[in-house]
């Protein structure tokens, strides 16, 4: 093959490869909605309130990200947390203690269940806390598997399961 044909052929191969990569890695609108929903939940969790009614309203807002029959399994022998109302109540009680933490969500992967309004989500949740007196930051990161369902046009968390990793 002459050099005059080799360069355009190489460019064509690179363009086709880039096109295939872009096509296979693009997100669907549901995946974008799920990612946005998790981002707003993260923002909501990182927002703190100081007064009683604000804390209760904030807990209800966070609870709205969960389905009515949500189950949260934190592992390590802890009993599952069942139901949106229980999650909301726990958030309200824990809020004063968790206000010092900032949550980050990393490595979010979304796999849609074909033909349904369900998605499996794997992510790493990192909780950072800065000690005010020393300035030191502690970090705790855990992996979670989520099942999200779409009802009434809104994606909600139906199940959270902590994934045990090798330590």
Protein backbone atom coordinates (compact mmCIF):
# COMPACT_ATOMS: atom_id res chain seq x y z
CA UNK A 1 0.00 0.00 0.00
CA UNK A 2 1.35 3.37 -0.90
CA UNK A 3 1.97 6.02 1.70
CA UNK A 4 -0.67 8.18 0.03
CA UNK A 5 -3.35 5.55 0.83
CA UNK A 6 -1.97 4.49 4.23
CA UNK A 7 -2.52 7.85 5.96
CA UNK A 8 -6.21 8.19 5.00
CA UNK A 9 -6.77 4.50 5.87
CA UNK A 10 -5.20 5.04 9.32
CA UNK A 11 -7.33 8.14 9.91
CA UNK A 12 -10.44 6.19 8.89
CA UNK A 13 -9.58 3.36 11.32
CA UNK A 14 -9.08 5.86 14.17
CA UNK A 15 -12.38 7.63 13.39
CA UNK A 16 -14.31 4.36 13.20
CA UNK A 17 -12.73 3.22 16.48
CA UNK A 18 -13.62 6.51 18.16
CA UNK A 19 -17.17 6.26 16.83
CA UNK A 20 -17.59 2.72 18.15
CA UNK A 21 -16.17 3.75 21.53
CA UNK A 22 -18.54 6.76 21.73
CA UNK A 23 -21.51 4.62 20.70
CA UNK A 24 -20.87 1.88 23.27
CA UNK A 25 -20.12 4.22 26.18
CA UNK A 26 -22.94 6.70 25.74
CA UNK A 27 -25.51 6.95 28.50
CA UNK A 28 -29.22 6.62 27.99
CA UNK A 29 -31.57 9.28 29.30
CA UNK A 30 -32.49 6.98 32.21
CA UNK A 31 -28.82 6.56 33.10
CA UNK A 32 -28.36 10.34 33.03
CA UNK A 33 -31.45 10.73 35.25
CA UNK A 34 -30.12 8.18 37.74
CA UNK A 35 -26.70 9.84 37.83
CA UNK A 36 -28.32 13.28 38.33
CA UNK A 37 -30.59 11.89 41.04
CA UNK A 38 -27.61 10.44 42.92
CA UNK A 39 -25.72 13.73 42.54
CA UNK A 40 -28.62 15.69 44.04
CA UNK A 41 -28.91 13.15 46.86
CA UNK A 42 -25.20 13.64 47.59
CA UNK A 43 -25.70 17.41 47.64
CA UNK A 44 -28.71 17.03 49.92
CA UNK A 45 -26.81 14.76 52.33
CA UNK A 46 -23.94 17.27 52.45
CA UNK A 47 -26.30 20.12 53.31
CA UNK A 48 -26.79 20.49 57.04
CA UNK A 49 -29.44 22.17 59.13
CA UNK A 50 -29.28 23.37 62.69
CA UNK A 51 -32.85 23.74 63.94
CA UNK A 52 -35.45 21.09 64.79
CA UNK A 53 -38.01 21.74 62.04
CA UNK A 54 -35.27 22.22 59.46
CA UNK A 55 -33.74 18.89 60.46
CA UNK A 56 -37.09 17.12 60.13
CA UNK A 57 -37.80 18.67 56.73
CA UNK A 58 -34.29 17.85 55.56
CA UNK A 59 -34.74 14.21 56.63
CA UNK A 60 -38.02 14.01 54.68
CA UNK A 61 -36.25 15.46 51.63
CA UNK A 62 -33.53 12.81 51.86
CA UNK A 63 -36.18 10.14 52.43
CA UNK A 64 -37.82 11.12 49.13
CA UNK A 65 -34.87 9.53 47.31
CA UNK A 66 -35.97 6.11 48.61
CA UNK A 67 -38.90 3.94 47.58
CA UNK A 68 -41.66 3.32 50.11
CA UNK A 69 -40.42 -0.24 50.75
CA UNK A 70 -36.67 0.48 50.55
CA UNK A 71 -34.22 -1.86 52.27
CA UNK A 72 -30.77 -0.76 53.44
CA UNK A 73 -28.33 -3.54 54.33
CA UNK A 74 -25.14 -2.18 55.88
CA UNK A 75 -23.60 -5.58 56.59
CA UNK A 76 -21.34 -6.46 59.52
CA UNK A 77 -24.26 -8.24 61.22
CA UNK A 78 -26.46 -5.14 61.37
CA UNK A 79 -30.18 -5.70 60.91
CA UNK A 80 -31.59 -4.39 57.61
CA UNK A 81 -33.26 -1.00 57.70
CA UNK A 82 -36.69 -1.38 56.12
CA UNK A 83 -38.95 1.31 54.70
CA UNK A 84 -38.69 4.96 53.72
CA UNK A 85 -40.18 6.08 57.04
CA UNK A 86 -37.47 4.25 58.99
CA UNK A 87 -34.73 5.71 56.78
CA UNK A 88 -36.21 9.20 57.23
CA UNK A 89 -36.40 8.78 61.01
CA UNK A 90 -32.80 7.61 61.19
CA UNK A 91 -31.61 10.53 59.05
CA UNK A 92 -33.43 12.97 61.36
CA UNK A 93 -31.85 11.44 64.48
CA UNK A 94 -28.35 11.14 62.99
CA UNK A 95 -28.24 14.53 61.27
CA UNK A 96 -26.53 16.45 64.09
CA UNK A 97 -23.73 13.84 64.21
CA UNK A 98 -23.33 13.50 60.45
CA UNK A 99 -23.17 17.24 59.75
CA UNK A 100 -19.37 17.11 60.16
CA UNK A 101 -19.05 14.65 57.26
CA UNK A 102 -18.95 15.26 53.53
CA UNK A 103 -20.04 12.47 51.21
CA UNK A 104 -18.60 11.81 47.77
CA UNK A 105 -19.83 9.27 45.25
CA UNK A 106 -17.20 7.77 42.98
CA UNK A 107 -16.95 5.02 40.39
CA UNK A 108 -20.68 5.06 39.68
CA UNK A 109 -21.64 2.39 37.17
CA UNK A 110 -25.21 1.94 36.02
CA UNK A 111 -26.62 -1.15 34.37
CA UNK A 112 -30.18 -0.88 33.13
CA UNK A 113 -32.44 -3.95 33.32
CA UNK A 114 -33.81 -4.32 29.78
CA UNK A 115 -37.57 -3.96 29.47
CA UNK A 116 -38.14 -2.71 33.01
CA UNK A 117 -37.95 0.36 35.20
CA UNK A 118 -35.07 -1.04 37.24
CA UNK A 119 -31.36 -0.40 37.31
CA UNK A 120 -28.41 -1.86 39.19
CA UNK A 121 -25.91 0.71 40.40
CA UNK A 122 -22.46 0.08 41.85
CA UNK A 123 -20.65 2.95 43.54
CA UNK A 124 -18.12 3.91 46.13
CA UNK A 125 -19.34 6.25 48.86
CA UNK A 126 -16.60 8.16 50.65
CA UNK A 127 -17.19 10.00 53.89
CA UNK A 128 -14.60 12.60 54.84
CA UNK A 129 -14.45 14.34 58.20
CA UNK A 130 -12.12 17.17 59.08
CA UNK A 131 -11.07 17.53 62.70
CA UNK A 132 -11.57 21.22 63.47
CA UNK A 133 -8.85 21.40 66.13
CA UNK A 134 -6.09 19.52 64.24
CA UNK A 135 -7.16 20.05 60.65
CA UNK A 136 -6.62 16.35 59.95
CA UNK A 137 -9.06 14.62 57.65
CA UNK A 138 -10.28 11.07 58.12
CA UNK A 139 -11.74 9.15 55.23
CA UNK A 140 -13.98 6.09 55.14
CA UNK A 141 -14.87 4.62 51.76
CA UNK A 142 -17.19 1.67 51.11
CA UNK A 143 -18.65 0.06 48.05
CA UNK A 144 -22.40 -0.29 47.67
CA UNK A 145 -24.75 -2.05 45.30
CA UNK A 146 -28.03 -0.22 44.73
CA UNK A 147 -31.22 -1.27 43.04
CA UNK A 148 -33.11 1.72 41.72
CA UNK A 149 -36.68 1.69 40.45
CA UNK A 150 -38.64 4.23 38.48
CA UNK A 151 -42.20 4.97 39.57
CA UNK A 152 -44.27 8.01 38.66
CA UNK A 153 -41.40 9.24 36.50
CA UNK A 154 -38.90 9.38 39.39
CA UNK A 155 -35.93 7.11 40.09
CA UNK A 156 -35.69 6.03 43.73
CA UNK A 157 -33.43 3.71 45.69
CA UNK A 158 -35.22 0.43 46.43
CA UNK A 159 -32.25 -1.38 47.96
CA UNK A 160 -28.77 -0.55 49.19
CA UNK A 161 -26.37 -3.36 50.04
CA UNK A 162 -22.89 -2.79 51.42
CA UNK A 163 -20.33 -4.85 49.56
CA UNK A 164 -17.73 -6.55 51.73
CA UNK A 165 -14.30 -5.98 50.29
CA UNK A 166 -11.01 -7.52 51.27
CA UNK A 167 -9.41 -5.48 54.01
